[in-house]
C-alpha atoms as a PDB file:
ATOM      1  CA  MET A   1       0.000   0.000   0.000  1.00  0.00           C
ATOM      2  CA  VAL A   2       3.021   2.264  -0.575  1.00  0.00           C
ATOM      3  CA  LEU A   3       2.892   5.477  -2.583  1.00  0.00           C
ATOM      4  CA  ALA A   4       6.218   6.970  -3.595  1.00  0.00           C
ATOM      5  CA  ALA A   5       7.363  10.110  -5.373  1.00  0.00           C
ATOM      6  CA  MET A   6      10.972   9.690  -6.478  1.00  0.00           C
ATOM      7  CA  VAL A   7      12.948  12.672  -7.751  1.00  0.00           C
ATOM      8  CA  LEU A   8      15.948  12.521 -10.076  1.00  0.00           C
ATOM      9  CA  VAL A   9      18.144  15.557  -9.405  1.00  0.00           C
ATOM     10  CA  LEU A  10      19.761  16.400 -12.724  1.00  0.00           C
ATOM     11  CA  GLU A  11      22.810  18.152 -14.113  1.00  0.00           C
ATOM     12  CA  GLY A  12      22.263  19.694 -17.530  1.00  0.00           C
ATOM     13  CA  GLU A  13      20.652  22.549 -19.408  1.00  0.00           C
ATOM     14  CA  GLY A  14      16.962  23.387 -19.184  1.00  0.00           C
ATOM     15  CA  THR A  15      14.158  21.174 -17.952  1.00  0.00           C
ATOM     16  CA  PRO A  16      13.292  17.721 -19.310  1.00  0.00           C
ATOM     17  CA  GLU A  17      10.974  17.597 -22.311  1.00  0.00           C
ATOM     18  CA  PRO A  18       7.603  15.943 -21.564  1.00  0.00           C
ATOM     19  CA  LEU A  19       7.736  13.448 -24.424  1.00  0.00           C
ATOM     20  CA  GLY A  20      11.374  12.654 -23.714  1.00  0.00           C
ATOM     21  CA  LEU A  21      10.660  12.020 -20.038  1.00  0.00           C
ATOM     22  CA  ARG A  22       7.688   9.807 -20.858  1.00  0.00           C
ATOM     23  CA  GLY A  23       9.666   7.825 -23.435  1.00  0.00           C
ATOM     24  CA  PHE A  24      12.480   7.250 -20.958  1.00  0.00           C
ATOM     25  CA  PHE A  25      10.093   6.151 -18.216  1.00  0.00           C
ATOM     26  CA  TYR A  26       8.115   3.846 -20.515  1.00  0.00           C
ATOM     27  CA  THR A  27      11.341   2.074 -21.468  1.00  0.00           C
ATOM     28  CA  LEU A  28      12.001   1.358 -17.776  1.00  0.00           C
ATOM     29  CA  LEU A  29       8.369   0.382 -17.269  1.00  0.00           C
ATOM     30  CA  LYS A  30       8.361  -2.051 -20.192  1.00  0.00           C
ATOM     31  CA  GLU A  31      11.367  -3.845 -18.717  1.00  0.00           C
ATOM     32  CA  ALA A  32      10.116  -3.974 -15.123  1.00  0.00           C
ATOM     33  CA  PHE A  33       6.331  -4.178 -15.377  1.00  0.00           C
ATOM     34  CA  PRO A  34       5.097  -4.719 -18.981  1.00  0.00           C
ATOM     35  CA  GLU A  35       1.583  -5.761 -17.920  1.00  0.00           C
ATOM     36  CA  VAL A  36       0.858  -2.292 -16.516  1.00  0.00           C
ATOM     37  CA  HIS A  37      -0.204  -1.114 -19.978  1.00  0.00           C
ATOM     38  CA  ASP A  38      -3.219  -3.419 -19.820  1.00  0.00           C
ATOM     39  CA  GLN A  39      -4.815  -1.306 -17.069  1.00  0.00           C
ATOM     40  CA  GLY A  40      -7.289   1.541 -17.537  1.00  0.00           C
ATOM     41  CA  GLU A  41      -5.883   4.054 -15.048  1.00  0.00           C
ATOM     42  CA  ASN A  42      -2.132   4.641 -15.034  1.00  0.00           C
ATOM     43  CA  PRO A  43      -0.633   3.746 -11.626  1.00  0.00           C
ATOM     44  CA  PHE A  44       2.028   6.437 -12.040  1.00  0.00           C
ATOM     45  CA  ALA A  45       2.487  10.128 -12.788  1.00  0.00           C
ATOM     46  CA  LEU A  46       5.481  12.079 -14.058  1.00  0.00           C
ATOM     47  CA  GLY A  47       6.715  15.591 -13.381  1.00  0.00           C
ATOM     48  CA  PHE A  48       9.633  17.929 -13.965  1.00  0.00           C
ATOM     49  CA  GLY A  49      10.816  21.367 -12.981  1.00  0.00           C
ATOM     50  CA  VAL A  50      13.578  23.411 -11.370  1.00  0.00           C
ATOM     51  CA  TRP A  51      14.300  23.830  -7.656  1.00  0.00           C
ATOM     52  CA  ARG A  52      17.076  26.075  -6.370  1.00  0.00           C
ATOM     53  CA  GLY A  53      18.418  26.303  -9.895  1.00  0.00           C
ATOM     54  CA  GLN A  54      18.617  22.516 -10.274  1.00  0.00           C
ATOM     55  CA  PRO A  55      16.506  20.713 -12.890  1.00  0.00           C
ATOM     56  CA  TRP A  56      14.665  17.614 -11.706  1.00  0.00           C
ATOM     57  CA  ALA A  57      12.432  14.872 -13.025  1.00  0.00           C
ATOM     58  CA  ARG A  58       9.865  13.029 -10.937  1.00  0.00           C
ATOM     59  CA  VAL A  59       8.359   9.548 -11.060  1.00  0.00           C
ATOM     60  CA  SER A  60       5.377   8.989  -8.778  1.00  0.00           C
ATOM     61  CA  LEU A  61       4.273   5.385  -8.206  1.00  0.00           C
ATOM     62  CA  LEU A  62       0.800   4.533  -6.898  1.00  0.00           C
ATOM     63  CA  LYS A  63       1.158   0.745  -6.497  1.00  0.00           C
ATOM     64  CA  GLU A  64       3.470  -1.027  -4.080  1.00  0.00           C
ATOM     65  CA  GLU A  65       4.327  -3.728  -6.615  1.00  0.00           C
ATOM     66  CA  LEU A  66       5.314  -1.080  -9.136  1.00  0.00           C
ATOM     67  CA  TYR A  67       7.484   0.631  -6.523  1.00  0.00           C
ATOM     68  CA  ALA A  68       9.131  -2.695  -5.625  1.00  0.00           C
ATOM     69  CA  ARG A  69      10.036  -3.370  -9.251  1.00  0.00           C
ATOM     70  CA  LEU A  70      10.983   0.116 -10.411  1.00  0.00           C
ATOM     71  CA  SER A  71      12.700   1.725  -7.413  1.00  0.00           C
ATOM     72  CA  PRO A  72      15.896  -0.392  -7.728  1.00  0.00           C
ATOM     73  CA  LYS A  73      16.181   0.658 -11.384  1.00  0.00           C
ATOM     74  CA  LEU A  74      15.609   4.311 -10.504  1.00  0.00           C
ATOM     75  CA  PHE A  75      18.116   4.308  -7.635  1.00  0.00           C
ATOM     76  CA  GLY A  76      20.580   2.615  -9.991  1.00  0.00           C
ATOM     77  CA  LEU A  77      20.521   5.663 -12.272  1.00  0.00           C
ATOM     78  CA  GLU A  78      22.548   7.756  -9.833  1.00  0.00           C
ATOM     79  CA  GLY A  79      25.708   8.947 -11.553  1.00  0.00           C
ATOM     80  CA  GLN A  80      24.458   7.776 -14.954  1.00  0.00           C
ATOM     81  CA  GLU A  81      23.787   9.709 -18.146  1.00  0.00           C
ATOM     82  CA  VAL A  82      20.152   9.738 -19.249  1.00  0.00           C
ATOM     83  CA  ARG A  83      18.278  11.351 -22.104  1.00  0.00           C
ATOM     84  CA  LEU A  84      15.001  13.060 -21.235  1.00  0.00           C
ATOM     85  CA  GLY A  85      14.520  14.806 -24.541  1.00  0.00           C
ATOM     86  CA  ARG A  86      17.976  16.293 -23.910  1.00  0.00           C
ATOM     87  CA  PRO A  87      20.975  14.749 -22.101  1.00  0.00           C
ATOM     88  CA  TYR A  88      21.449  14.913 -18.334  1.00  0.00           C
ATOM     89  CA  ARG A  89      23.581  13.356 -15.655  1.00  0.00           C
ATOM     90  CA  VAL A  90      21.643  12.010 -12.667  1.00  0.00           C
ATOM     91  CA  ARG A  91      23.205  13.650  -9.652  1.00  0.00           C
ATOM     92  CA  ALA A  92      20.977  11.975  -7.046  1.00  0.00           C
ATOM     93  CA  VAL A  93      17.778   9.933  -6.724  1.00  0.00           C
ATOM     94  CA  LEU A  94      15.671  10.994  -3.733  1.00  0.00           C
ATOM     95  CA  GLN A  95      12.494   9.876  -2.040  1.00  0.00           C
ATOM     96  CA  GLU A  96      12.887  12.461   0.727  1.00  0.00           C
ATOM     97  CA  GLY A  97      14.758  15.718   1.193  1.00  0.00           C
ATOM     98  CA  HIS A  98      13.222  17.396  -1.871  1.00  0.00           C
ATOM     99  CA  PRO A  99       9.888  19.260  -1.977  1.00  0.00           C
ATOM    100  CA  TRP A 100       8.567  16.952  -4.710  1.00  0.00           C
ATOM    101  CA  ALA A 101       9.801  13.692  -3.160  1.00  0.00           C
ATOM    102  CA  GLY A 102       7.896  11.655  -0.609  1.00  0.00           C
ATOM    103  CA  LEU A 103       6.907   8.226   0.652  1.00  0.00           C
ATOM    104  CA  THR A 104       3.685   7.257   2.417  1.00  0.00           C
ATOM    105  CA  THR A 105       0.953   4.621   2.515  1.00  0.00           C
ATOM    106  CA  TYR A 106      -2.734   4.757   1.679  1.00  0.00           C
ATOM    107  CA  PRO A 107      -3.803   4.403   5.352  1.00  0.00           C
ATOM    108  CA  ARG A 108      -1.560   7.327   6.333  1.00  0.00           C
ATOM    109  CA  LEU A 109      -3.437   9.582   3.912  1.00  0.00           C
ATOM    110  CA  PHE A 110      -6.381   9.316   6.309  1.00  0.00           C
ATOM    111  CA  GLN A 111      -4.469   9.961   9.550  1.00  0.00           C
ATOM    112  CA  GLY A 112      -5.062  13.158  11.484  1.00  0.00           C
ATOM    113  CA  PRO A 113      -8.073  15.469  11.502  1.00  0.00           C
ATOM    114  CA  GLY A 114      -9.726  16.481   8.274  1.00  0.00           C
ATOM    115  CA  SER A 115     -10.667  19.982   7.173  1.00  0.00           C
ATOM    116  CA  PRO A 116     -13.588  21.390   5.176  1.00  0.00           C
ATOM    117  CA  ASN A 117     -11.030  23.442   3.205  1.00  0.00           C
ATOM    118  CA  LEU A 118      -8.647  22.011   0.613  1.00  0.00           C
ATOM    119  CA  PRO A 119      -6.056  24.492  -0.734  1.00  0.00           C
ATOM    120  CA  LEU A 120      -4.299  23.198  -3.861  1.00  0.00           C
ATOM    121  CA  ARG A 121      -1.578  24.787  -5.937  1.00  0.00           C
ATOM    122  CA  PHE A 122      -1.513  23.753  -9.600  1.00  0.00           C
ATOM    123  CA  HIS A 123       2.135  23.842 -10.670  1.00  0.00           C
ATOM    124  CA  THR A 124       1.846  22.583 -14.249  1.00  0.00           C
ATOM    125  CA  PRO A 125      -1.018  23.079 -16.714  1.00  0.00           C
ATOM    126  CA  THR A 126      -4.010  21.053 -15.582  1.00  0.00           C
ATOM    127  CA  PHE A 127      -6.919  20.174 -17.830  1.00  0.00           C
ATOM    128  CA  PHE A 128      -9.633  17.563 -18.069  1.00  0.00           C
ATOM    129  CA  ARG A 129     -11.138  15.482 -20.845  1.00  0.00           C
ATOM    130  CA  ARG A 130     -14.737  16.656 -21.071  1.00  0.00           C
ATOM    131  CA  LYS A 131     -17.223  15.878 -23.861  1.00  0.00           C
ATOM    132  CA  GLY A 132     -14.416  15.018 -26.249  1.00  0.00           C
ATOM    133  CA  VAL A 133     -12.361  18.176 -25.693  1.00  0.00           C
ATOM    134  CA  GLN A 134      -9.730  19.380 -23.235  1.00  0.00           C
ATOM    135  CA  TYR A 135     -11.277  21.605 -20.550  1.00  0.00           C
ATOM    136  CA  PRO A 136      -8.952  23.887 -18.514  1.00  0.00           C
ATOM    137  CA  LEU A 137     -11.057  25.046 -15.543  1.00  0.00           C
ATOM    138  CA  PRO A 138     -10.431  23.292 -12.177  1.00  0.00           C
ATOM    139  CA  GLU A 139     -14.087  22.874 -11.238  1.00  0.00           C
ATOM    140  CA  PRO A 140     -14.606  21.084  -7.902  1.00  0.00           C
ATOM    141  CA  ARG A 141     -16.438  18.094  -9.360  1.00  0.00           C
ATOM    142  CA  LEU A 142     -13.834  17.506 -12.085  1.00  0.00           C
ATOM    143  CA  VAL A 143     -10.954  17.755  -9.594  1.00  0.00           C
ATOM    144  CA  LEU A 144     -12.520  15.472  -6.982  1.00  0.00           C
ATOM    145  CA  GLU A 145     -13.791  12.924  -9.512  1.00  0.00           C
ATOM    146  CA  SER A 146     -10.275  12.648 -10.940  1.00  0.00           C
ATOM    147  CA  LEU A 147      -8.771  12.060  -7.494  1.00  0.00           C
ATOM    148  CA  LEU A 148     -11.477   9.638  -6.320  1.00  0.00           C
ATOM    149  CA  ARG A 149     -11.190   7.578  -9.478  1.00  0.00           C
ATOM    150  CA  ARG A 150      -7.439   7.112  -9.137  1.00  0.00           C
ATOM    151  CA  LEU A 151      -7.433   6.578  -5.379  1.00  0.00           C
ATOM    152  CA  GLU A 152     -10.129   3.921  -5.617  1.00  0.00           C
ATOM    153  CA  ALA A 153      -8.339   2.233  -8.534  1.00  0.00           C
ATOM    154  CA  PHE A 154      -5.172   1.623  -6.507  1.00  0.00           C
ATOM    155  CA  GLY A 155      -5.986   2.174  -2.822  1.00  0.00           C
ATOM    156  CA  PRO A 156      -7.785  -0.207  -0.416  1.00  0.00           C
ATOM    157  CA  LEU A 157     -10.758   2.070   0.323  1.00  0.00           C
ATOM    158  CA  ARG A 158     -13.822   3.309  -1.520  1.00  0.00           C
ATOM    159  CA  ALA A 159     -15.606   6.457  -0.431  1.00  0.00           C
ATOM    160  CA  PRO A 160     -18.976   5.699   1.192  1.00  0.00           C
ATOM    161  CA  GLU A 161     -21.795   6.712  -1.130  1.00  0.00           C
ATOM    162  CA  GLY A 162     -22.964   9.522   1.156  1.00  0.00           C
ATOM    163  CA  VAL A 163     -19.435  10.914   1.405  1.00  0.00           C
ATOM    164  CA  ARG A 164     -18.949  10.709  -2.359  1.00  0.00           C
ATOM    165  CA  GLU A 165     -22.212  12.545  -2.958  1.00  0.00           C
ATOM    166  CA  GLY A 166     -21.313  15.261  -0.467  1.00  0.00           C
ATOM    167  CA  LEU A 167     -17.867  15.797  -1.979  1.00  0.00           C
ATOM    168  CA  LEU A 168     -19.073  15.938  -5.571  1.00  0.00           C
ATOM    169  CA  GLU A 169     -22.328  17.819  -5.095  1.00  0.00           C
ATOM    170  CA  ARG A 170     -21.549  20.363  -2.359  1.00  0.00           C
ATOM    171  CA  THR A 171     -17.870  21.306  -2.703  1.00  0.00           C
ATOM    172  CA  THR A 172     -17.412  24.889  -3.862  1.00  0.00           C
ATOM    173  CA  VAL A 173     -14.546  27.268  -4.656  1.00  0.00           C
ATOM    174  CA  ARG A 174     -13.690  29.694  -1.841  1.00  0.00           C
ATOM    175  CA  PHE A 175     -10.628  31.270  -3.485  1.00  0.00           C
ATOM    176  CA  LEU A 176      -9.108  31.116  -6.969  1.00  0.00           C
ATOM    177  CA  GLU A 177      -6.019  32.855  -8.303  1.00  0.00           C
ATOM    178  CA  GLY A 178      -4.409  31.707 -11.509  1.00  0.00           C
ATOM    179  CA  ARG A 179      -4.237  31.749 -15.279  1.00  0.00           C
ATOM    180  CA  THR A 180      -4.062  29.407 -18.213  1.00  0.00           C
ATOM    181  CA  ARG A 181      -0.794  28.291 -19.773  1.00  0.00           C
ATOM    182  CA  MET A 182      -0.169  26.618 -23.112  1.00  0.00           C
ATOM    183  CA  ALA A 183       0.563  22.888 -22.971  1.00  0.00           C
ATOM    184  CA  ARG A 184       2.308  21.463 -26.019  1.00  0.00           C
ATOM    185  CA  ALA A 185       3.360  17.863 -25.894  1.00  0.00           C
ATOM    186  CA  GLU A 186       1.281  15.379 -27.849  1.00  0.00           C
ATOM    187  CA  VAL A 187      -1.634  17.751 -27.258  1.00  0.00           C
ATOM    188  CA  ASP A 188      -2.072  21.426 -28.099  1.00  0.00           C
ATOM    189  CA  THR A 189      -4.253  22.949 -25.427  1.00  0.00           C
ATOM    190  CA  VAL A 190      -4.218  25.199 -22.379  1.00  0.00           C
ATOM    191  CA  GLY A 191      -4.362  24.250 -18.717  1.00  0.00           C
ATOM    192  CA  PHE A 192      -4.843  26.000 -15.392  1.00  0.00           C
ATOM    193  CA  VAL A 193      -1.928  27.003 -13.166  1.00  0.00           C
ATOM    194  CA  GLY A 194      -2.376  28.806  -9.868  1.00  0.00           C
ATOM    195  CA  ARG A 195      -4.042  28.336  -6.497  1.00  0.00           C
ATOM    196  CA  VAL A 196      -7.521  27.258  -5.524  1.00  0.00           C
ATOM    197  CA  VAL A 197      -9.143  26.742  -2.129  1.00  0.00           C
ATOM    198  CA  TYR A 198     -11.989  24.246  -2.270  1.00  0.00           C
ATOM    199  CA  HIS A 199     -14.559  24.347   0.519  1.00  0.00           C
ATOM    200  CA  LEU A 200     -17.161  21.819   1.644  1.00  0.00           C
ATOM    201  CA  PRO A 201     -19.848  23.642   3.646  1.00  0.00           C
ATOM    202  CA  ARG A 202     -21.439  21.786   6.543  1.00  0.00           C
ATOM    203  CA  ALA A 203     -18.869  19.016   6.151  1.00  0.00           C
ATOM    204  CA  THR A 204     -19.238  16.022   8.422  1.00  0.00           C
ATOM    205  CA  GLU A 205     -16.124  14.679  10.128  1.00  0.00           C
ATOM    206  CA  GLU A 206     -15.931  11.842   7.611  1.00  0.00           C
ATOM    207  CA  GLU A 207     -16.391  14.135   4.616  1.00  0.00           C
ATOM    208  CA  ALA A 208     -13.685  16.486   5.898  1.00  0.00           C
ATOM    209  CA  LEU A 209     -11.308  13.551   6.389  1.00  0.00           C
ATOM    210  CA  TRP A 210     -11.867  12.338   2.832  1.00  0.00           C
ATOM    211  CA  LEU A 211     -11.373  15.833   1.410  1.00  0.00           C
ATOM    212  CA  THR A 212      -8.055  16.185   3.241  1.00  0.00           C
ATOM    213  CA  ALA A 213      -6.939  12.679   2.229  1.00  0.00           C
ATOM    214  CA  LEU A 214      -7.680  13.436  -1.426  1.00  0.00           C
ATOM    215  CA  GLY A 215      -5.470  16.517  -1.179  1.00  0.00           C
ATOM    216  CA  ARG A 216      -2.613  14.437   0.221  1.00  0.00           C
ATOM    217  CA  PHE A 217      -3.160  11.863  -2.516  1.00  0.00           C
ATOM    218  CA  ALA A 218      -3.056  14.578  -5.200  1.00  0.00           C
ATOM    219  CA  PHE A 219       0.626  15.208  -4.367  1.00  0.00           C
ATOM    220  CA  PHE A 220       1.401  11.691  -5.590  1.00  0.00           C
ATOM    221  CA  SER A 221      -1.250  11.073  -8.257  1.00  0.00           C
ATOM    222  CA  GLY A 222      -1.541  14.390 -10.038  1.00  0.00           C
ATOM    223  CA  LEU A 223      -4.952  15.075 -11.489  1.00  0.00           C
ATOM    224  CA  GLY A 224      -6.730  15.573 -14.764  1.00  0.00           C
ATOM    225  CA  ALA A 225      -5.476  14.443 -18.171  1.00  0.00           C
ATOM    226  CA  LYS A 226      -1.958  13.605 -19.361  1.00  0.00           C
ATOM    227  CA  THR A 227      -0.327  13.168 -15.928  1.00  0.00           C
ATOM    228  CA  GLY A 228       2.066  10.810 -17.747  1.00  0.00           C
ATOM    229  CA  LEU A 229       3.475  13.873 -19.517  1.00  0.00           C
ATOM    230  CA  GLY A 230       3.945  15.971 -16.390  1.00  0.00           C
ATOM    231  CA  TYR A 231       0.644  17.842 -16.530  1.00  0.00           C
ATOM    232  CA  GLY A 232      -1.643  18.099 -13.507  1.00  0.00           C
ATOM    233  CA  LEU A 233       1.220  18.404 -11.008  1.00  0.00           C
ATOM    234  CA  VAL A 234      -0.440  19.722  -7.841  1.00  0.00           C
ATOM    235  CA  ARG A 235       0.067  19.825  -4.093  1.00  0.00           C
ATOM    236  CA  PRO A 236      -1.732  21.173  -1.017  1.00  0.00           C
ATOM    237  CA  TYR A 237      -0.362  24.457   0.236  1.00  0.00           C
ATOM    238  CA  ALA A 238      -0.564  26.605   3.342  1.00  0.00           C
ATOM    239  CA  GLU A 239      -0.810  30.375   3.138  1.00  0.00           C
ATOM    240  CA  ALA A 240       2.412  30.740   5.120  1.00  0.00           C
ATOM    241  CA  SER A 241       4.401  28.207   3.065  1.00  0.00           C
ATOM    242  CA  PRO A 242       7.195  29.452   0.770  1.00  0.00           C
ATOM    243  CA  GLU A 243       6.563  29.506  -2.968  1.00  0.00           C
ATOM    244  CA  LEU A 244       8.203  26.679  -4.844  1.00  0.00           C
ATOM    245  CA  GLU A 245       9.881  27.226  -8.166  1.00  0.00           C
ATOM    246  CA  GLY A 246       7.758  25.485 -10.772  1.00  0.00           C
ATOM    247  CA  PRO A 247       8.557  23.833 -14.084  1.00  0.00           C
END
């Protein structure tokens, strides 16, 4: 029941290219876990960016078996040359000690008190497949449906029907600050980047716990379409937290 976000700290020019990063990861995936392509939802998400002037690439794994098979290959890249659209040297492979690295379990997502407020920062363009087109607005139902679908595909729990209905039908937007940004990699569309605070009025204790857990899960899963290209990279934020340098 492990979820892991592993970061490759890179030496090289610029940030990885989305298609190059995906091609590199799919080569590793084909060797370690070829049957994963037979599944509907992808049990992984990719990301890239710059932190403290250092480019990085991120592989987030939502299944323990996938982590068990892929993590040795990823750790083995340290000191190696890789091509992620352009060449890099892998300076380090981290699952802690970097703002986009982390390790947890599905039960730990639900530890601690919940909150009726869910603040999310959208670091890379986020969009959703809606009625055959790409839709760039982070509406509460689209965001929470995306997270519920992926969590229930790979985690041990399903949201009780009453909780699901409350989350999807009553969650509103309390604060929104952002813009759209062009996304060009296999698709030509725009996605939302910025900050949103979602709010569930009259939330029960169980509803608040699920809302908070979904926010924690979003850090690992991403949300929306094309998370395998680095889109939909999001994380909860606190008003007092420092801004992170994005991709």
